[in-house]
Protein backbone atom coordinates (compact mmCIF):
# COMPACT_ATOMS: atom_id res chain seq x y z
CA MET A 1 -20.03 -7.15 -33.22
CA GLU A 2 -18.55 -3.51 -32.89
CA ALA A 3 -22.42 -2.48 -32.00
CA ASP A 4 -22.42 -5.33 -29.14
CA MET A 5 -18.99 -4.07 -27.83
CA ALA A 6 -20.20 -0.49 -27.66
CA THR A 7 -23.21 -1.59 -25.60
CA ILE A 8 -21.16 -3.58 -23.48
CA ALA A 9 -19.32 -0.61 -22.78
CA ALA A 10 -21.93 1.62 -22.30
CA GLN A 11 -23.71 -1.06 -19.59
CA GLN A 12 -20.28 -0.95 -17.96
CA GLN A 13 -20.37 2.67 -17.69
CA ALA A 14 -23.98 2.95 -16.39
CA LYS A 15 -23.71 0.08 -13.49
CA PRO A 16 -21.45 2.22 -11.05
CA GLN A 17 -23.08 5.83 -11.34
CA ALA A 18 -25.43 4.87 -8.44
CA LEU A 19 -24.18 3.59 -5.27
CA SER A 20 -25.66 0.30 -4.24
CA ALA A 21 -25.33 -2.12 -1.49
CA ALA A 22 -22.84 -4.06 -3.15
CA GLY A 23 -20.53 -0.90 -3.17
CA TRP A 24 -20.73 -0.76 0.45
CA ARG A 25 -19.72 -4.04 0.90
CA ALA A 26 -16.80 -3.61 -1.66
CA LEU A 27 -15.58 -1.06 0.70
CA VAL A 28 -15.99 -2.83 3.72
CA ALA A 29 -14.10 -5.83 2.24
CA SER A 30 -11.23 -4.14 0.88
CA PHE A 31 -10.92 -1.61 3.83
CA LEU A 32 -11.01 -4.97 6.23
CA GLY A 33 -8.08 -6.22 4.07
CA TRP A 34 -5.76 -3.11 4.04
CA LEU A 35 -6.76 -2.44 8.04
CA PHE A 36 -4.83 -5.86 8.65
CA ASP A 37 -2.41 -5.32 5.80
CA GLY A 38 -1.38 -2.18 8.01
CA TYR A 39 -1.75 -4.24 11.41
CA GLU A 40 0.84 -6.81 9.96
CA THR A 41 3.19 -4.06 8.65
CA TYR A 42 3.57 -2.07 11.56
CA ALA A 43 3.65 -5.27 14.11
CA LEU A 44 7.29 -5.72 12.49
CA ILE A 45 8.24 -2.05 12.49
CA LEU A 46 7.41 -2.08 16.17
CA VAL A 47 8.72 -5.11 17.42
CA ALA A 48 11.81 -5.58 15.30
CA ALA A 49 14.31 -4.17 17.53
CA VAL A 50 12.74 -6.14 20.48
CA ALA A 51 12.85 -9.51 18.67
CA LEU A 52 16.35 -9.28 17.19
CA ARG A 53 17.72 -8.66 20.61
CA GLN A 54 16.30 -12.00 21.20
CA LEU A 55 17.37 -13.55 17.77
CA LEU A 56 20.93 -11.87 17.11
CA GLU A 57 24.21 -12.74 18.54
CA PRO A 58 25.41 -10.01 21.04
CA GLN A 59 28.35 -9.10 18.72
CA GLN A 60 25.65 -8.44 16.06
CA LEU A 61 23.50 -6.05 18.04
CA ALA A 62 26.00 -2.90 17.20
CA SER A 63 24.57 -3.08 13.55
CA LEU A 64 20.93 -3.50 14.70
CA PRO A 65 19.80 -1.11 12.18
CA ILE A 66 21.29 -2.76 9.59
CA TYR A 67 19.81 -6.06 10.12
CA ILE A 68 16.15 -4.57 10.67
CA GLY A 69 16.54 -3.16 7.37
CA GLY A 70 17.48 -6.47 6.15
CA LEU A 71 13.74 -7.62 7.44
CA LEU A 72 12.16 -4.73 6.10
CA ALA A 73 13.75 -5.18 2.77
CA VAL A 74 12.98 -8.79 2.38
CA THR A 75 9.42 -8.04 3.47
CA LEU A 76 9.12 -5.44 0.52
CA VAL A 77 10.35 -8.02 -2.04
CA GLY A 78 7.79 -10.26 -1.09
CA TRP A 79 5.16 -7.50 -1.00
CA ALA A 80 6.26 -6.31 -4.63
CA THR A 81 6.21 -10.03 -6.25
CA GLY A 82 2.76 -11.08 -4.34
CA GLY A 83 1.53 -7.41 -5.44
CA ILE A 84 2.29 -8.18 -9.11
CA VAL A 85 1.06 -11.88 -9.59
CA ALA A 86 -2.21 -10.79 -7.85
CA GLY A 87 -2.59 -7.92 -9.80
CA VAL A 88 -2.53 -10.25 -12.97
CA LEU A 89 -4.62 -12.94 -11.20
CA ALA A 90 -7.40 -10.31 -10.28
CA ASP A 91 -7.68 -9.84 -13.94
CA TYR A 92 -8.02 -13.21 -15.09
CA ILE A 93 -9.97 -14.84 -11.96
CA GLY A 94 -11.58 -12.12 -10.28
CA ARG A 95 -11.00 -9.31 -7.63
CA LYS A 96 -13.07 -10.99 -4.72
CA ARG A 97 -11.25 -14.63 -5.19
CA VAL A 98 -7.63 -12.85 -5.21
CA LEU A 99 -8.72 -10.88 -2.12
CA MET A 100 -9.88 -13.66 -0.07
CA LEU A 101 -6.59 -15.82 -0.85
CA SER A 102 -4.40 -13.05 -0.21
CA ILE A 103 -6.01 -12.20 3.56
CA LEU A 104 -5.85 -16.05 4.04
CA TRP A 105 -2.03 -16.29 3.30
CA TYR A 106 -0.75 -13.21 4.87
CA ALA A 107 -2.95 -14.14 8.08
CA LEU A 108 -1.27 -17.53 8.48
CA PHE A 109 2.44 -16.69 7.71
CA THR A 110 2.16 -13.36 10.35
CA GLY A 111 1.12 -16.19 12.89
CA LEU A 112 3.81 -18.53 11.97
CA THR A 113 6.46 -15.63 12.56
CA ALA A 114 5.66 -15.97 16.11
CA LEU A 115 7.41 -19.18 15.88
CA ALA A 116 11.08 -17.72 14.42
CA THR A 117 13.87 -19.16 16.32
CA SER A 118 16.81 -17.28 14.22
CA TYR A 119 17.07 -14.23 12.23
CA ALA A 120 17.07 -16.66 9.05
CA SER A 121 13.89 -18.26 10.02
CA PHE A 122 12.48 -14.61 10.86
CA MET A 123 13.67 -13.28 7.13
CA ILE A 124 12.01 -16.59 5.32
CA LEU A 125 8.73 -15.82 7.04
CA ARG A 126 8.63 -12.04 6.50
CA PHE A 127 9.56 -12.69 2.86
CA LEU A 128 6.34 -15.25 2.72
CA THR A 129 3.94 -12.82 4.60
CA GLY A 130 5.14 -10.11 2.48
CA LEU A 131 3.57 -12.24 -0.52
CA GLY A 132 0.62 -11.77 1.32
CA LEU A 133 0.40 -8.45 2.37
CA GLY A 134 1.32 -6.97 -1.46
CA ALA A 135 -1.22 -9.42 -3.10
CA GLU A 136 -4.37 -7.48 -1.04
CA TRP A 137 -4.09 -4.04 -2.35
CA GLY A 138 -4.78 -4.58 -6.16
CA PRO A 139 -7.97 -6.52 -6.13
CA GLY A 140 -9.05 -4.51 -3.32
CA THR A 141 -8.53 -1.47 -4.85
CA ALA A 142 -9.77 -2.62 -8.26
CA ILE A 143 -13.64 -4.14 -6.88
CA LEU A 144 -13.75 -0.59 -4.90
CA GLY A 145 -13.15 1.61 -8.05
CA GLU A 146 -15.39 -0.43 -10.13
CA SER A 147 -18.24 -0.30 -7.61
CA TRP A 148 -18.21 3.28 -6.54
CA PRO A 149 -20.04 6.34 -8.69
CA PRO A 150 -17.37 9.26 -10.10
CA ARG A 151 -18.71 11.88 -7.98
CA SER A 152 -17.67 10.14 -4.50
CA ARG A 153 -14.91 7.41 -5.91
CA GLY A 154 -12.09 9.79 -4.33
CA ARG A 155 -13.56 10.06 -0.96
CA ALA A 156 -14.33 6.18 -0.68
CA ALA A 157 -10.69 5.33 -2.06
CA SER A 158 -9.31 7.76 0.34
CA VAL A 159 -11.62 5.81 3.13
CA LEU A 160 -9.85 2.47 1.53
CA GLN A 161 -6.20 3.82 1.88
CA SER A 162 -6.70 5.31 5.52
CA ALA A 163 -7.60 1.52 6.40
CA PHE A 164 -3.88 1.05 6.34
CA ALA A 165 -3.39 3.85 8.79
CA MET A 166 -6.12 2.78 11.16
CA GLY A 167 -4.05 -0.49 11.14
CA LEU A 168 -0.89 0.94 12.02
CA VAL A 169 -2.56 2.52 15.04
CA LEU A 170 -4.39 -0.78 16.00
CA ALA A 171 -0.84 -2.21 16.06
CA SER A 172 0.63 0.58 18.21
CA VAL A 173 -2.56 0.47 20.82
CA VAL A 174 -1.79 -3.24 20.80
CA TRP A 175 1.71 -2.93 21.24
CA LEU A 176 0.89 -0.35 24.15
CA TYR A 177 -0.51 -3.48 25.95
CA VAL A 178 1.56 -6.52 25.25
CA ALA A 179 4.84 -5.08 25.49
CA PRO A 180 4.66 -5.20 29.41
CA LEU A 181 4.67 -8.76 28.89
CA GLY A 182 8.34 -9.44 28.44
CA PRO A 183 11.14 -9.94 26.22
CA SER A 184 8.71 -12.55 24.09
CA ALA A 185 5.73 -10.13 23.64
CA TRP A 186 6.80 -9.71 20.16
CA ARG A 187 5.67 -12.88 19.46
CA ALA A 188 2.10 -12.37 20.66
CA MET A 189 1.72 -9.52 18.13
CA PHE A 190 2.23 -12.07 15.07
CA LEU A 191 -0.03 -14.38 16.81
CA ILE A 192 -2.63 -11.93 17.04
CA GLY A 193 -2.11 -11.48 13.06
CA VAL A 194 -3.89 -14.63 12.72
CA LEU A 195 -7.48 -13.16 13.10
CA PRO A 196 -7.65 -11.64 9.94
CA ALA A 197 -8.76 -14.86 8.29
CA LEU A 198 -12.02 -14.95 9.96
CA SER A 199 -12.88 -11.95 7.49
CA VAL A 200 -12.94 -14.42 4.67
CA LEU A 201 -15.92 -15.97 5.65
CA TRP A 202 -17.80 -12.97 5.31
CA ILE A 203 -16.42 -11.55 2.39
CA ARG A 204 -17.20 -15.05 0.58
CA ARG A 205 -20.78 -14.96 1.75
CA SER A 206 -21.74 -11.05 1.29
CA VAL A 207 -18.94 -9.23 -1.42
CA ARG A 208 -20.41 -9.76 -5.15
CA GLU A 209 -17.76 -9.56 -7.69
CA SER A 210 -17.12 -6.56 -9.76
CA ASP A 211 -20.03 -6.18 -12.71
CA LEU A 212 -17.19 -4.38 -14.78
CA TRP A 213 -14.66 -7.17 -14.50
CA VAL A 214 -17.48 -9.50 -15.36
CA ALA A 215 -18.34 -7.76 -18.34
CA ALA A 216 -14.48 -7.71 -19.53
CA ARG A 217 -14.22 -11.81 -18.49
CA ASP A 218 -17.29 -12.01 -20.90
CA ARG A 219 -15.80 -10.04 -23.58
CA ARG A 220 -12.32 -11.64 -23.24
CA GLN A 221 -14.09 -15.02 -23.41
CA LEU A 222 -16.14 -13.96 -26.81
CA ALA A 223 -13.07 -12.78 -28.45
CA ARG A 224 -11.25 -15.83 -27.54
CA GLN A 225 -14.14 -18.08 -29.19
CA ARG A 226 -14.78 -16.10 -32.19
CA LEU A 227 -10.54 -16.21 -32.78
CA ALA A 228 -10.31 -19.77 -32.23
CA GLY A 229 -13.78 -20.41 -34.51
CA GLY A 230 -11.74 -18.55 -37.29
CA HIS A 231 -14.26 -15.18 -37.31
CA ALA A 232 -13.02 -11.87 -37.95
CA VAL A 233 -12.54 -9.56 -34.49
CA SER A 234 -11.54 -6.22 -33.99
CA ALA A 235 -8.21 -4.89 -33.09
CA ASP A 236 -9.36 -3.83 -29.41
CA ASP A 237 -10.91 -7.68 -29.03
CA ARG A 238 -7.60 -9.22 -30.16
CA ALA A 239 -5.78 -7.30 -27.68
CA LEU A 240 -7.61 -8.69 -25.13
CA THR A 241 -6.97 -11.97 -25.64
CA GLY A 242 -3.08 -11.45 -24.73
CA PHE A 243 -1.53 -11.13 -21.51
CA THR A 244 -2.48 -8.15 -19.58
CA VAL A 245 1.03 -6.98 -19.05
CA LYS A 246 1.90 -7.07 -22.27
CA ARG A 247 -1.07 -5.11 -23.50
CA ILE A 248 0.07 -2.39 -21.29
CA LEU A 249 3.74 -2.37 -22.62
CA LEU A 250 2.82 -2.70 -26.19
CA ALA A 251 0.36 0.14 -26.10
CA PRO A 252 2.32 3.61 -26.33
CA ASP A 253 -0.14 5.31 -24.29
CA LEU A 254 -0.32 3.02 -21.32
CA ARG A 255 3.72 2.69 -21.65
CA ARG A 256 4.11 6.50 -21.24
CA ARG A 257 1.33 6.35 -18.64
CA LEU A 258 2.82 3.66 -16.46
CA ALA A 259 6.49 4.92 -16.71
CA LEU A 260 5.44 8.25 -15.13
CA LEU A 261 3.41 6.91 -12.66
CA LEU A 262 6.32 4.53 -11.87
CA VAL A 263 8.20 7.55 -10.96
CA LEU A 264 5.68 9.23 -8.99
CA SER A 265 5.25 5.92 -7.04
CA ILE A 266 8.95 5.37 -6.31
CA CYS A 267 8.90 9.07 -4.72
CA THR A 268 6.16 8.03 -2.59
CA ILE A 269 6.95 4.62 -1.65
CA VAL A 270 10.75 4.66 -1.48
CA ALA A 271 10.68 7.53 0.46
CA TRP A 272 8.35 6.41 3.29
CA TRP A 273 10.18 3.09 3.59
CA ALA A 274 13.55 4.59 4.15
CA VAL A 275 12.08 7.28 5.90
CA SER A 276 9.29 7.03 7.95
CA THR A 277 9.70 3.17 8.77
CA TRP A 278 12.38 4.85 11.21
CA ILE A 279 10.08 7.11 13.11
CA PRO A 280 9.76 4.89 15.97
CA PHE A 281 13.23 3.91 16.25
CA TYR A 282 14.10 7.49 16.30
CA ALA A 283 11.47 8.14 18.78
CA GLY A 284 12.95 5.67 21.19
CA GLN A 285 16.50 7.26 20.60
CA ILE A 286 15.15 11.00 21.41
CA ALA A 287 13.29 9.52 24.63
CA ALA A 288 16.28 7.61 25.75
CA LYS A 289 18.19 10.72 25.73
CA ALA A 290 15.78 12.47 27.64
CA GLY A 291 15.14 9.72 30.15
CA GLY A 292 12.07 8.68 28.89
CA ASN A 293 11.18 4.78 28.71
CA ALA A 294 12.01 4.29 24.81
CA GLN A 295 9.23 1.29 24.51
CA ARG A 296 6.49 3.65 25.30
CA TRP A 297 7.79 6.35 23.34
CA VAL A 298 8.05 4.01 20.54
CA ALA A 299 4.13 2.97 20.33
CA LEU A 300 3.00 6.62 21.21
CA ALA A 301 5.24 7.97 18.24
CA GLY A 302 3.47 5.13 15.99
CA LEU A 303 0.05 6.01 17.37
CA TYR A 304 0.51 9.90 16.70
CA TYR A 305 1.86 9.47 13.38
CA ASN A 306 -0.88 7.45 12.56
CA LEU A 307 -3.39 9.39 13.38
CA GLY A 308 -2.25 12.33 11.47
CA ALA A 309 -2.24 9.82 8.66
CA ILE A 310 -5.75 8.58 8.75
CA LEU A 311 -6.70 12.60 8.87
CA GLY A 312 -4.44 13.09 6.02
CA PHE A 313 -6.27 10.17 3.92
CA VAL A 314 -9.48 11.75 4.53
CA VAL A 315 -8.73 15.19 3.83
CA PHE A 316 -7.03 13.91 0.07
CA GLY A 317 -10.17 12.36 -0.92
CA VAL A 318 -12.31 15.75 -0.11
CA LEU A 319 -9.79 17.84 -1.65
CA ALA A 320 -9.52 15.27 -4.57
CA ASP A 321 -13.05 14.88 -5.27
CA THR A 322 -13.51 18.90 -4.99
CA TRP A 323 -10.02 20.42 -6.07
CA GLY A 324 -8.77 17.52 -8.35
CA ARG A 325 -6.51 14.82 -8.30
CA LYS A 326 -3.03 16.04 -9.39
CA PRO A 327 -3.33 19.24 -7.39
CA THR A 328 -3.98 17.47 -4.15
CA MET A 329 -0.91 15.47 -4.97
CA VAL A 330 1.34 18.24 -5.50
CA LEU A 331 0.13 19.60 -2.15
CA TYR A 332 1.17 16.34 -0.03
CA TYR A 333 4.86 16.38 -1.55
CA ALA A 334 5.17 19.71 -0.91
CA GLY A 335 4.09 19.08 2.95
CA SER A 336 6.28 15.98 2.86
CA ILE A 337 9.31 17.76 2.29
CA VAL A 338 8.78 20.29 4.92
CA LEU A 339 7.81 18.06 7.52
CA VAL A 340 10.68 15.28 6.83
CA VAL A 341 13.25 18.41 7.47
CA VAL A 342 11.36 19.59 10.60
CA LEU A 343 11.11 16.02 12.23
CA PHE A 344 14.48 15.07 12.03
CA ARG A 345 16.71 18.07 11.84
CA VAL A 346 14.83 20.34 14.19
CA VAL A 347 12.93 18.16 16.62
CA GLN A 348 14.70 17.71 19.92
CA ASP A 349 12.47 16.71 22.68
CA PRO A 350 9.65 13.93 22.95
CA PHE A 351 6.54 15.90 23.35
CA THR A 352 7.28 17.93 20.15
CA PHE A 353 8.15 15.00 18.37
CA LEU A 354 4.98 13.30 19.27
CA MET A 355 2.96 16.52 17.68
CA VAL A 356 5.21 16.87 14.62
CA ALA A 357 5.23 13.24 14.01
CA ALA A 358 1.36 13.35 13.49
CA VAL A 359 1.76 16.20 11.16
CA ASN A 360 4.37 14.35 9.31
CA GLY A 361 2.16 11.29 8.99
CA PHE A 362 -0.85 13.79 7.47
CA PHE A 363 1.46 14.21 4.54
CA THR A 364 4.05 11.38 4.23
CA VAL A 365 1.32 8.58 4.58
CA GLY A 366 -1.85 10.55 3.83
CA GLN A 367 -0.24 11.16 -0.19
CA PHE A 368 -0.48 7.46 -0.47
CA ALA A 369 -4.05 8.10 -0.91
CA TRP A 370 -3.45 9.14 -4.72
CA MET A 371 -3.05 5.38 -5.73
CA PRO A 372 -6.40 4.06 -4.81
CA VAL A 373 -7.95 7.35 -6.19
CA TYR A 374 -6.20 8.03 -9.08
CA LEU A 375 -4.67 4.73 -10.81
CA PRO A 376 -7.93 3.12 -11.28
CA GLU A 377 -9.14 5.88 -13.17
CA LEU A 378 -6.24 5.63 -15.78
CA PHE A 379 -6.43 2.30 -17.24
CA PRO A 380 -9.34 0.40 -18.75
CA THR A 381 -10.82 -2.60 -16.94
CA ASP A 382 -9.36 -5.51 -18.55
CA VAL A 383 -5.97 -4.57 -17.36
CA ARG A 384 -6.88 -2.27 -14.61
CA GLY A 385 -5.94 -5.00 -11.79
CA SER A 386 -2.18 -5.80 -13.73
CA ALA A 387 -1.52 -1.84 -14.12
CA ILE A 388 -2.46 -0.45 -10.75
CA SER A 389 -0.67 -3.51 -9.02
CA LEU A 390 2.60 -2.66 -11.40
CA VAL A 391 2.76 1.17 -10.32
CA PHE A 392 2.02 0.06 -6.61
CA ASP A 393 4.37 -2.84 -6.37
CA VAL A 394 7.27 -2.76 -8.41
CA THR A 395 8.50 0.07 -7.00
CA ARG A 396 8.64 -1.92 -3.99
CA TYR A 397 11.80 -3.98 -5.21
CA LEU A 398 13.65 -0.41 -5.33
CA ALA A 399 12.10 0.37 -2.01
CA ALA A 400 13.45 -2.68 -0.26
CA ALA A 401 16.90 -1.04 -1.04
CA GLY A 402 15.68 1.87 0.98
CA PRO A 403 15.70 0.56 4.47
CA LEU A 404 19.06 -1.32 3.79
CA LEU A 405 20.75 1.99 2.72
CA ALA A 406 19.13 3.92 5.27
CA GLY A 407 20.24 1.78 7.84
CA TRP A 408 23.76 1.69 6.64
CA LEU A 409 23.72 5.69 6.46
CA ILE A 410 22.57 5.82 10.23
CA VAL A 411 25.53 3.92 11.22
CA SER A 412 27.79 5.44 8.82
CA LEU A 413 26.63 8.79 9.57
CA GLY A 414 25.71 8.53 13.09
CA GLY A 415 22.26 9.44 12.97
CA MET A 416 19.13 9.85 11.29
CA SER A 417 18.81 13.48 10.44
CA THR A 418 21.10 13.41 7.07
CA ALA A 419 19.77 9.86 5.89
CA ALA A 420 16.35 11.34 6.29
CA SER A 421 16.98 14.47 4.15
CA ILE A 422 18.79 12.54 1.40
CA PHE A 423 15.76 10.32 1.13
CA GLY A 424 13.35 13.26 1.48
CA LEU A 425 14.54 14.72 -1.76
CA ALA A 426 12.41 12.06 -3.43
CA TYR A 427 9.42 13.99 -2.32
CA VAL A 428 10.79 16.88 -4.77
CA VAL A 429 10.90 14.87 -7.90
CA GLY A 430 7.17 13.96 -6.87
CA MET A 431 6.18 17.56 -6.80
CA ILE A 432 7.74 18.36 -10.40
CA VAL A 433 6.43 15.23 -12.34
CA THR A 434 2.98 15.22 -11.20
CA PRO A 435 1.62 17.86 -13.35
CA PHE A 436 2.75 16.02 -16.86
CA VAL A 437 1.79 12.37 -15.61
CA ALA A 438 -1.80 11.88 -17.07
CA PRO A 439 -4.71 13.71 -17.57
CA GLU A 440 -7.09 15.14 -14.50
CA THR A 441 -9.83 12.37 -14.04
CA LYS A 442 -12.27 14.05 -11.11
CA GLY A 443 -15.85 13.58 -11.90
CA ARG A 444 -15.02 11.16 -14.68
CA PRO A 445 -16.14 7.53 -15.25
CA LEU A 446 -13.92 4.69 -15.13
CA PRO A 447 -12.17 3.56 -18.45
CA ALA A 448 -14.28 0.69 -20.13
């Protein structure tokens, strides 16, 4: 039995060494899912102020940032919940199946958001959309990581993560053309969000389930059969039959690794949702003071910011594959600290704001690439979906408080600068913790 398991493990490691057509299809499938995820997310950020001016009562508009923060918060709560559930499901029923279900889910409820008639209905629909948005990343990242060889996995994962920024750019470009349609143009933005459902047809027909996951599933089933038959099994195989999250929490090495990775996840995600999601809103304020068209500058700021983010993702992957995962992470955290201060405390005119926003996006969004690059390399196949989704999504429960608290600070302090500086301190923590979180994994095969 031990020899059989060793053989399976060896086969698992051998399969992804040479890049195949299945690997490219896995990249395209996960890329499309994450691209549309980005569109759906940024569509809300772009249109929230416009939509709420229709849905709120006049006396409520003085607290508009707080209501926007509420929408972002409820989306994040849905995202976290959907992501955790989907990550666990991906370990049991497969990466491909959960990926398809998540895309169908968020496409459906994004379209239904266009029919919102009140703030309450808007909130409910955003929560339901968030469930699908969160569910997509874990299975998509797992199937990609399990399909690419070590020498180029970092680049592939950074390309995958860049899809989110491309989705943000797509939303910005669409809004440039849709915004002039009138006060209800925001509804068209959400109706367009139904289109991703079409990609599921191609994924179902063309994408193959991860060989590593299939081998782990077969091993789990064999262990269960042996236990049911009263046969002896190894401690590792016995652990395979338990609940994935329980296994992670009970294994000291995995538990410690998870805890430190959650700290880094908080530094990346909470700071982004508390600070960077306000960049379009802040750009509109600066443009209005300069006598410009606020809505146009909101869209342009989103476009420049996310073009910078795309470059940041790609560069992260190149550096991670040549220089190392952890040194690249430290560099991006340091850059984020500097650029948050410059953008929110130094820049005062719209044109300079666009240029600095692009560099800010390079670091503050580009740093998200550490998750699809580094996380799959730190956990074994049978719990990989659960583990990476826990790191990526549990943090969003905390991040949900970020926009709410930031909105309150903006109103209380009379502007964005101080609020952004406070939350930007999270990047300092990330820079300090990174060297201690886990081993360097550049060029190593995935754990079996």
